């Protein structure tokens, strides 16, 4: 499984915070998300493709999933469909994150089971607004 290594221990406030899984094939983006989410009090999990993301989600049961849609091995649309087919993920918020900003891409993401959609490049403010809406509050 290719997960983002824990290079730095998360801040004490993040150790007990809600858990967010970022399924993102770009390593720099995963590292960026880890930094900003842990600073905000979330625990972070990272996966580089849809298969690893599904495995990590099943093992760790995150409170929210940020799902890139254009992933190697298994794309985010199908990974979302497969997660939604499992009863334990019926209520887990999944936010589609993608560089594809067309209306058809947003519609496909929502049809696959995503709760919301954000297109790259996005502002941290917009990302945090979605987290405030869908994720349990961080400490």
N, C-alpha and C. Protein backbone atom coordinates (compact mmCIF):
# COMPACT_ATOMS: atom_id res chain seq x y z
N UNK A 1 0.85 -1.17 0.00
CA UNK A 1 0.00 0.00 0.00
C UNK A 1 0.89 1.23 0.00
N UNK A 2 0.61 2.19 -0.88
CA UNK A 2 1.39 3.42 -0.96
C UNK A 2 0.69 4.53 -0.21
N UNK A 3 1.03 4.72 1.02
CA UNK A 3 0.46 5.81 1.80
C UNK A 3 1.53 6.84 2.05
N UNK A 4 1.10 8.06 2.32
CA UNK A 4 2.05 9.11 2.61
C UNK A 4 2.73 8.80 3.92
N UNK A 5 4.06 8.77 3.94
CA UNK A 5 4.75 8.46 5.20
C UNK A 5 4.57 9.59 6.19
N UNK A 6 4.54 9.21 7.45
CA UNK A 6 4.46 10.21 8.51
C UNK A 6 5.87 10.72 8.75
N UNK A 7 6.21 11.81 8.11
CA UNK A 7 7.56 12.35 8.24
C UNK A 7 7.70 13.18 9.51
N UNK A 8 6.61 13.74 9.96
CA UNK A 8 6.61 14.56 11.16
C UNK A 8 5.41 14.15 11.99
N UNK A 9 5.60 14.03 13.29
CA UNK A 9 4.47 13.69 14.15
C UNK A 9 3.44 14.81 14.08
N UNK A 10 2.16 14.47 14.00
CA UNK A 10 1.15 15.51 13.95
C UNK A 10 1.10 16.28 15.25
N UNK A 11 0.62 17.53 15.19
CA UNK A 11 0.47 18.29 16.42
C UNK A 11 -0.44 17.54 17.39
N UNK A 12 -0.25 17.79 18.67
CA UNK A 12 -1.04 17.10 19.68
C UNK A 12 -2.53 17.24 19.41
N UNK A 13 -2.97 18.40 18.94
CA UNK A 13 -4.40 18.62 18.70
C UNK A 13 -4.91 17.74 17.58
N UNK A 14 -4.03 17.33 16.64
CA UNK A 14 -4.47 16.51 15.51
C UNK A 14 -4.53 15.03 15.86
N UNK A 15 -3.87 14.61 16.92
CA UNK A 15 -3.81 13.19 17.24
C UNK A 15 -5.18 12.63 17.61
N UNK A 16 -6.07 13.44 18.14
CA UNK A 16 -7.39 12.98 18.52
C UNK A 16 -8.49 13.57 17.65
N UNK A 17 -8.12 14.37 16.65
CA UNK A 17 -9.11 15.03 15.81
C UNK A 17 -9.75 14.08 14.82
N UNK A 18 -10.76 14.56 14.11
CA UNK A 18 -11.39 13.75 13.07
C UNK A 18 -10.36 13.36 12.01
N UNK A 19 -10.58 12.22 11.40
CA UNK A 19 -9.63 11.68 10.42
C UNK A 19 -10.11 11.96 9.00
N UNK A 20 -9.20 12.50 8.18
CA UNK A 20 -9.49 12.76 6.78
C UNK A 20 -8.52 11.94 5.92
N UNK A 21 -9.08 11.21 4.98
CA UNK A 21 -8.30 10.45 4.01
C UNK A 21 -8.27 11.25 2.71
N UNK A 22 -7.06 11.55 2.22
CA UNK A 22 -6.90 12.20 0.93
C UNK A 22 -6.38 11.16 -0.06
N UNK A 23 -7.20 10.83 -1.05
CA UNK A 23 -6.79 9.92 -2.11
C UNK A 23 -6.37 10.80 -3.27
N UNK A 24 -5.07 10.93 -3.43
CA UNK A 24 -4.49 11.92 -4.34
C UNK A 24 -3.20 11.35 -4.91
N UNK A 25 -3.08 11.29 -6.24
CA UNK A 25 -1.89 10.70 -6.84
C UNK A 25 -0.69 11.62 -6.87
N UNK A 26 -0.88 12.90 -6.64
CA UNK A 26 0.23 13.84 -6.63
C UNK A 26 0.82 13.92 -5.23
N UNK A 27 2.06 13.46 -5.09
CA UNK A 27 2.69 13.40 -3.77
C UNK A 27 2.82 14.77 -3.12
N UNK A 28 3.18 15.79 -3.89
CA UNK A 28 3.30 17.13 -3.33
C UNK A 28 1.96 17.63 -2.79
N UNK A 29 0.88 17.32 -3.51
CA UNK A 29 -0.46 17.74 -3.04
C UNK A 29 -0.83 16.99 -1.77
N UNK A 30 -0.50 15.70 -1.69
CA UNK A 30 -0.78 14.95 -0.44
C UNK A 30 -0.02 15.57 0.72
N UNK A 31 1.25 15.90 0.51
CA UNK A 31 2.05 16.50 1.58
C UNK A 31 1.49 17.86 1.99
N UNK A 32 1.06 18.66 1.01
CA UNK A 32 0.45 19.95 1.30
C UNK A 32 -0.83 19.76 2.12
N UNK A 33 -1.68 18.84 1.68
CA UNK A 33 -2.92 18.59 2.42
C UNK A 33 -2.62 18.10 3.84
N UNK A 34 -1.62 17.25 3.99
CA UNK A 34 -1.26 16.79 5.32
C UNK A 34 -0.90 17.96 6.22
N UNK A 35 -0.07 18.86 5.71
CA UNK A 35 0.35 20.02 6.54
C UNK A 35 -0.84 20.89 6.94
N UNK A 36 -1.68 21.25 5.97
CA UNK A 36 -2.75 22.18 6.31
C UNK A 36 -3.84 21.52 7.15
N UNK A 37 -4.11 20.25 6.92
CA UNK A 37 -5.15 19.59 7.69
C UNK A 37 -4.71 19.32 9.12
N UNK A 38 -3.46 18.89 9.30
CA UNK A 38 -2.97 18.65 10.66
C UNK A 38 -2.89 19.95 11.45
N UNK A 39 -2.52 21.03 10.81
CA UNK A 39 -2.51 22.33 11.50
C UNK A 39 -3.90 22.74 11.95
N UNK A 40 -4.90 22.27 11.23
CA UNK A 40 -6.28 22.60 11.58
C UNK A 40 -6.87 21.62 12.59
N UNK A 41 -6.09 20.60 12.99
CA UNK A 41 -6.55 19.68 14.03
C UNK A 41 -7.08 18.36 13.54
N UNK A 42 -6.95 18.08 12.25
CA UNK A 42 -7.40 16.80 11.70
C UNK A 42 -6.26 15.78 11.71
N UNK A 43 -6.62 14.51 11.82
CA UNK A 43 -5.66 13.43 11.56
C UNK A 43 -5.67 13.19 10.06
N UNK A 44 -4.55 12.85 9.50
CA UNK A 44 -4.41 12.73 8.05
C UNK A 44 -4.02 11.32 7.64
N UNK A 45 -4.66 10.83 6.61
CA UNK A 45 -4.27 9.61 5.93
C UNK A 45 -4.12 9.95 4.45
N UNK A 46 -3.14 9.38 3.78
CA UNK A 46 -2.95 9.65 2.37
C UNK A 46 -2.78 8.38 1.58
N UNK A 47 -3.38 8.34 0.39
CA UNK A 47 -3.23 7.22 -0.52
C UNK A 47 -3.00 7.76 -1.92
N UNK A 48 -2.22 7.02 -2.72
CA UNK A 48 -1.83 7.52 -4.03
C UNK A 48 -2.69 7.01 -5.19
N UNK A 49 -3.58 6.08 -4.94
CA UNK A 49 -4.47 5.62 -6.01
C UNK A 49 -5.76 5.07 -5.40
N UNK A 50 -6.72 4.76 -6.28
CA UNK A 50 -8.02 4.33 -5.80
C UNK A 50 -8.01 3.02 -5.04
N UNK A 51 -7.18 2.07 -5.45
CA UNK A 51 -7.11 0.79 -4.75
C UNK A 51 -6.57 0.99 -3.34
N UNK A 52 -5.45 1.70 -3.22
CA UNK A 52 -4.89 1.97 -1.90
C UNK A 52 -5.84 2.79 -1.05
N UNK A 53 -6.53 3.73 -1.69
CA UNK A 53 -7.50 4.54 -0.96
C UNK A 53 -8.63 3.71 -0.38
N UNK A 54 -9.14 2.77 -1.17
CA UNK A 54 -10.20 1.89 -0.68
C UNK A 54 -9.71 1.01 0.46
N UNK A 55 -8.51 0.46 0.31
CA UNK A 55 -7.94 -0.38 1.37
C UNK A 55 -7.76 0.42 2.66
N UNK A 56 -7.20 1.60 2.54
CA UNK A 56 -6.96 2.42 3.72
C UNK A 56 -8.28 2.86 4.36
N UNK A 57 -9.25 3.21 3.54
CA UNK A 57 -10.56 3.60 4.07
C UNK A 57 -11.19 2.44 4.83
N UNK A 58 -11.12 1.24 4.28
CA UNK A 58 -11.70 0.07 4.93
C UNK A 58 -11.00 -0.25 6.25
N UNK A 59 -9.67 -0.12 6.26
CA UNK A 59 -8.90 -0.40 7.48
C UNK A 59 -9.09 0.65 8.56
N UNK A 60 -9.12 1.92 8.18
CA UNK A 60 -9.06 3.01 9.16
C UNK A 60 -10.37 3.78 9.35
N UNK A 61 -11.35 3.61 8.48
CA UNK A 61 -12.67 4.25 8.61
C UNK A 61 -12.57 5.76 8.87
N UNK A 62 -12.08 6.55 7.91
CA UNK A 62 -11.95 8.00 8.11
C UNK A 62 -13.31 8.66 8.26
N UNK A 63 -13.29 9.86 8.84
CA UNK A 63 -14.52 10.63 9.03
C UNK A 63 -14.94 11.34 7.74
N UNK A 64 -13.98 11.55 6.82
CA UNK A 64 -14.26 12.22 5.56
C UNK A 64 -13.19 11.78 4.56
N UNK A 65 -13.56 11.72 3.28
CA UNK A 65 -12.62 11.34 2.23
C UNK A 65 -12.57 12.45 1.19
N UNK A 66 -11.35 12.90 0.87
CA UNK A 66 -11.11 13.78 -0.27
C UNK A 66 -10.66 12.87 -1.41
N UNK A 67 -11.46 12.77 -2.46
CA UNK A 67 -11.23 11.79 -3.52
C UNK A 67 -10.90 12.47 -4.83
N UNK A 68 -9.62 12.38 -5.24
CA UNK A 68 -9.26 12.82 -6.58
C UNK A 68 -9.98 11.89 -7.55
N UNK A 69 -10.43 12.43 -8.67
CA UNK A 69 -11.18 11.60 -9.61
C UNK A 69 -10.30 10.95 -10.66
N UNK A 70 -9.20 11.60 -11.03
CA UNK A 70 -8.29 11.06 -12.05
C UNK A 70 -7.13 10.38 -11.34
N UNK A 71 -7.31 9.10 -11.05
CA UNK A 71 -6.32 8.33 -10.30
C UNK A 71 -5.84 7.14 -11.12
N UNK A 72 -4.60 6.70 -10.88
CA UNK A 72 -4.14 5.46 -11.51
C UNK A 72 -4.78 4.25 -10.84
N UNK A 73 -4.75 3.14 -11.50
CA UNK A 73 -5.21 1.85 -11.03
C UNK A 73 -6.73 1.77 -10.96
N UNK A 74 -7.35 2.62 -10.21
CA UNK A 74 -8.81 2.66 -10.05
C UNK A 74 -9.19 4.12 -9.89
N UNK A 75 -9.98 4.65 -10.82
CA UNK A 75 -10.27 6.09 -10.74
C UNK A 75 -11.21 6.41 -9.56
N UNK A 76 -11.28 7.67 -9.24
CA UNK A 76 -12.06 8.11 -8.09
C UNK A 76 -13.55 7.89 -8.22
N UNK A 77 -14.06 7.92 -9.44
CA UNK A 77 -15.49 7.64 -9.65
C UNK A 77 -15.81 6.21 -9.19
N UNK A 78 -15.02 5.26 -9.70
CA UNK A 78 -15.28 3.86 -9.37
C UNK A 78 -14.97 3.56 -7.91
N UNK A 79 -13.89 4.14 -7.38
CA UNK A 79 -13.57 3.95 -5.96
C UNK A 79 -14.71 4.45 -5.08
N UNK A 80 -15.30 5.58 -5.46
CA UNK A 80 -16.44 6.11 -4.70
C UNK A 80 -17.63 5.17 -4.79
N UNK A 81 -17.93 4.69 -6.00
CA UNK A 81 -19.05 3.74 -6.15
C UNK A 81 -18.86 2.50 -5.30
N UNK A 82 -17.64 1.97 -5.31
CA UNK A 82 -17.36 0.76 -4.54
C UNK A 82 -17.46 1.01 -3.03
N UNK A 83 -16.99 2.17 -2.58
CA UNK A 83 -17.12 2.50 -1.16
C UNK A 83 -18.59 2.67 -0.78
N UNK A 84 -19.34 3.36 -1.62
CA UNK A 84 -20.76 3.59 -1.33
C UNK A 84 -21.55 2.28 -1.29
N UNK A 85 -21.07 1.25 -1.95
CA UNK A 85 -21.75 -0.05 -1.94
C UNK A 85 -21.61 -0.75 -0.60
N UNK A 86 -20.68 -0.29 0.21
CA UNK A 86 -20.46 -0.87 1.54
C UNK A 86 -21.29 -0.09 2.56
N UNK A 87 -22.10 -0.78 3.36
CA UNK A 87 -22.95 -0.08 4.33
C UNK A 87 -22.19 0.85 5.27
N UNK A 88 -20.96 0.48 5.64
CA UNK A 88 -20.20 1.30 6.58
C UNK A 88 -19.76 2.64 5.99
N UNK A 89 -19.90 2.81 4.67
CA UNK A 89 -19.53 4.08 4.04
C UNK A 89 -20.73 4.84 3.50
N UNK A 90 -21.91 4.40 3.83
CA UNK A 90 -23.11 5.06 3.33
C UNK A 90 -23.20 6.52 3.77
N UNK A 91 -22.74 6.81 4.96
CA UNK A 91 -22.86 8.17 5.49
C UNK A 91 -21.53 8.93 5.54
N UNK A 92 -20.44 8.31 5.11
CA UNK A 92 -19.15 8.97 5.13
C UNK A 92 -19.10 10.04 4.05
N UNK A 93 -18.86 11.29 4.41
CA UNK A 93 -18.77 12.32 3.37
C UNK A 93 -17.57 12.07 2.46
N UNK A 94 -17.82 12.16 1.16
CA UNK A 94 -16.77 12.03 0.15
C UNK A 94 -16.84 13.29 -0.71
N UNK A 95 -15.73 14.01 -0.76
CA UNK A 95 -15.64 15.23 -1.55
C UNK A 95 -14.75 14.96 -2.75
N UNK A 96 -15.30 15.13 -3.95
CA UNK A 96 -14.53 14.96 -5.18
C UNK A 96 -13.59 16.14 -5.34
N UNK A 97 -12.34 15.83 -5.66
CA UNK A 97 -11.33 16.85 -5.89
C UNK A 97 -10.70 16.55 -7.24
N UNK A 98 -10.79 17.49 -8.19
CA UNK A 98 -10.29 17.20 -9.53
C UNK A 98 -9.94 18.45 -10.30
N UNK A 99 -9.09 18.29 -11.28
CA UNK A 99 -8.75 19.37 -12.19
C UNK A 99 -9.80 19.49 -13.30
N UNK A 100 -10.65 18.49 -13.42
CA UNK A 100 -11.71 18.53 -14.42
C UNK A 100 -12.86 19.38 -13.89
N UNK A 101 -13.04 20.55 -14.49
CA UNK A 101 -13.99 21.52 -13.94
C UNK A 101 -15.27 21.67 -14.75
N UNK A 102 -15.51 20.74 -15.67
CA UNK A 102 -16.72 20.85 -16.48
C UNK A 102 -17.95 20.39 -15.68
N UNK A 103 -19.10 20.89 -16.06
CA UNK A 103 -20.34 20.52 -15.37
C UNK A 103 -20.59 19.02 -15.46
N UNK A 104 -20.23 18.40 -16.57
CA UNK A 104 -20.43 16.95 -16.72
C UNK A 104 -19.59 16.18 -15.72
N UNK A 105 -18.37 16.67 -15.42
CA UNK A 105 -17.51 16.01 -14.44
C UNK A 105 -18.13 16.10 -13.04
N UNK A 106 -18.68 17.26 -12.73
CA UNK A 106 -19.33 17.42 -11.43
C UNK A 106 -20.54 16.50 -11.33
N UNK A 107 -21.33 16.43 -12.38
CA UNK A 107 -22.50 15.56 -12.38
C UNK A 107 -22.09 14.09 -12.22
N UNK A 108 -21.03 13.67 -12.91
CA UNK A 108 -20.55 12.29 -12.77
C UNK A 108 -20.09 12.00 -11.35
N UNK A 109 -19.41 12.96 -10.73
CA UNK A 109 -18.94 12.78 -9.35
C UNK A 109 -20.12 12.61 -8.40
N UNK A 110 -21.12 13.43 -8.55
CA UNK A 110 -22.29 13.34 -7.68
C UNK A 110 -23.06 12.04 -7.93
N UNK A 111 -23.15 11.63 -9.20
CA UNK A 111 -23.80 10.35 -9.52
C UNK A 111 -23.06 9.17 -8.91
N UNK A 112 -21.74 9.27 -8.84
CA UNK A 112 -20.92 8.19 -8.27
C UNK A 112 -21.10 8.09 -6.76
N UNK A 113 -21.60 9.16 -6.14
CA UNK A 113 -21.83 9.11 -4.70
C UNK A 113 -21.10 10.17 -3.89
N UNK A 114 -20.40 11.07 -4.57
CA UNK A 114 -19.73 12.15 -3.82
C UNK A 114 -20.77 13.11 -3.27
N UNK A 115 -20.49 13.67 -2.11
CA UNK A 115 -21.39 14.63 -1.49
C UNK A 115 -21.19 16.04 -2.02
N UNK A 116 -19.97 16.32 -2.46
CA UNK A 116 -19.63 17.66 -2.93
C UNK A 116 -18.46 17.54 -3.90
N UNK A 117 -18.11 18.66 -4.50
CA UNK A 117 -17.14 18.70 -5.58
C UNK A 117 -16.34 19.99 -5.47
N UNK A 118 -15.04 19.89 -5.61
CA UNK A 118 -14.20 21.09 -5.65
C UNK A 118 -13.17 20.88 -6.76
N UNK A 119 -12.98 21.90 -7.59
CA UNK A 119 -12.05 21.74 -8.70
C UNK A 119 -10.73 22.43 -8.41
N UNK A 120 -9.66 21.82 -8.93
CA UNK A 120 -8.31 22.36 -8.79
C UNK A 120 -8.08 23.40 -9.88
N UNK A 121 -7.36 24.42 -9.62
CA UNK A 121 -6.83 24.77 -8.30
C UNK A 121 -7.95 25.38 -7.45
N UNK A 122 -7.93 25.06 -6.19
CA UNK A 122 -8.94 25.58 -5.26
C UNK A 122 -8.24 26.39 -4.18
N UNK A 123 -9.00 27.25 -3.54
CA UNK A 123 -8.43 28.02 -2.44
C UNK A 123 -8.57 27.22 -1.15
N UNK A 124 -7.66 27.44 -0.26
CA UNK A 124 -7.73 26.78 1.05
C UNK A 124 -9.04 27.17 1.74
N UNK A 125 -9.45 28.41 1.55
CA UNK A 125 -10.71 28.88 2.15
C UNK A 125 -11.88 28.03 1.66
N UNK A 126 -11.93 27.77 0.35
CA UNK A 126 -13.03 26.95 -0.20
C UNK A 126 -12.97 25.51 0.32
N UNK A 127 -11.75 24.96 0.43
CA UNK A 127 -11.61 23.61 0.97
C UNK A 127 -12.09 23.57 2.42
N UNK A 128 -11.66 24.53 3.23
CA UNK A 128 -12.07 24.54 4.63
C UNK A 128 -13.57 24.76 4.78
N UNK A 129 -14.16 25.52 3.88
CA UNK A 129 -15.62 25.72 3.92
C UNK A 129 -16.33 24.38 3.72
N UNK A 130 -15.83 23.56 2.79
CA UNK A 130 -16.42 22.23 2.59
C UNK A 130 -16.19 21.34 3.80
N UNK A 131 -15.00 21.40 4.36
CA UNK A 131 -14.72 20.58 5.56
C UNK A 131 -15.62 21.01 6.72
N UNK A 132 -15.82 22.31 6.86
CA UNK A 132 -16.72 22.80 7.92
C UNK A 132 -18.13 22.29 7.72
N UNK A 133 -18.52 22.13 6.47
CA UNK A 133 -19.87 21.66 6.16
C UNK A 133 -20.02 20.15 6.36
N UNK A 134 -18.99 19.38 6.03
CA UNK A 134 -19.14 17.93 5.98
C UNK A 134 -18.38 17.14 7.04
N UNK A 135 -17.29 17.68 7.57
CA UNK A 135 -16.47 16.93 8.52
C UNK A 135 -16.86 17.26 9.96
N UNK A 136 -16.67 16.30 10.86
CA UNK A 136 -16.84 16.64 12.27
C UNK A 136 -15.84 17.74 12.64
N UNK A 137 -16.20 18.57 13.57
CA UNK A 137 -15.34 19.69 13.95
C UNK A 137 -14.02 19.21 14.52
N UNK A 138 -12.95 19.84 14.08
CA UNK A 138 -11.62 19.54 14.64
C UNK A 138 -11.48 20.29 15.95
N UNK A 139 -10.60 19.79 16.81
CA UNK A 139 -10.38 20.41 18.12
C UNK A 139 -9.72 21.76 17.99
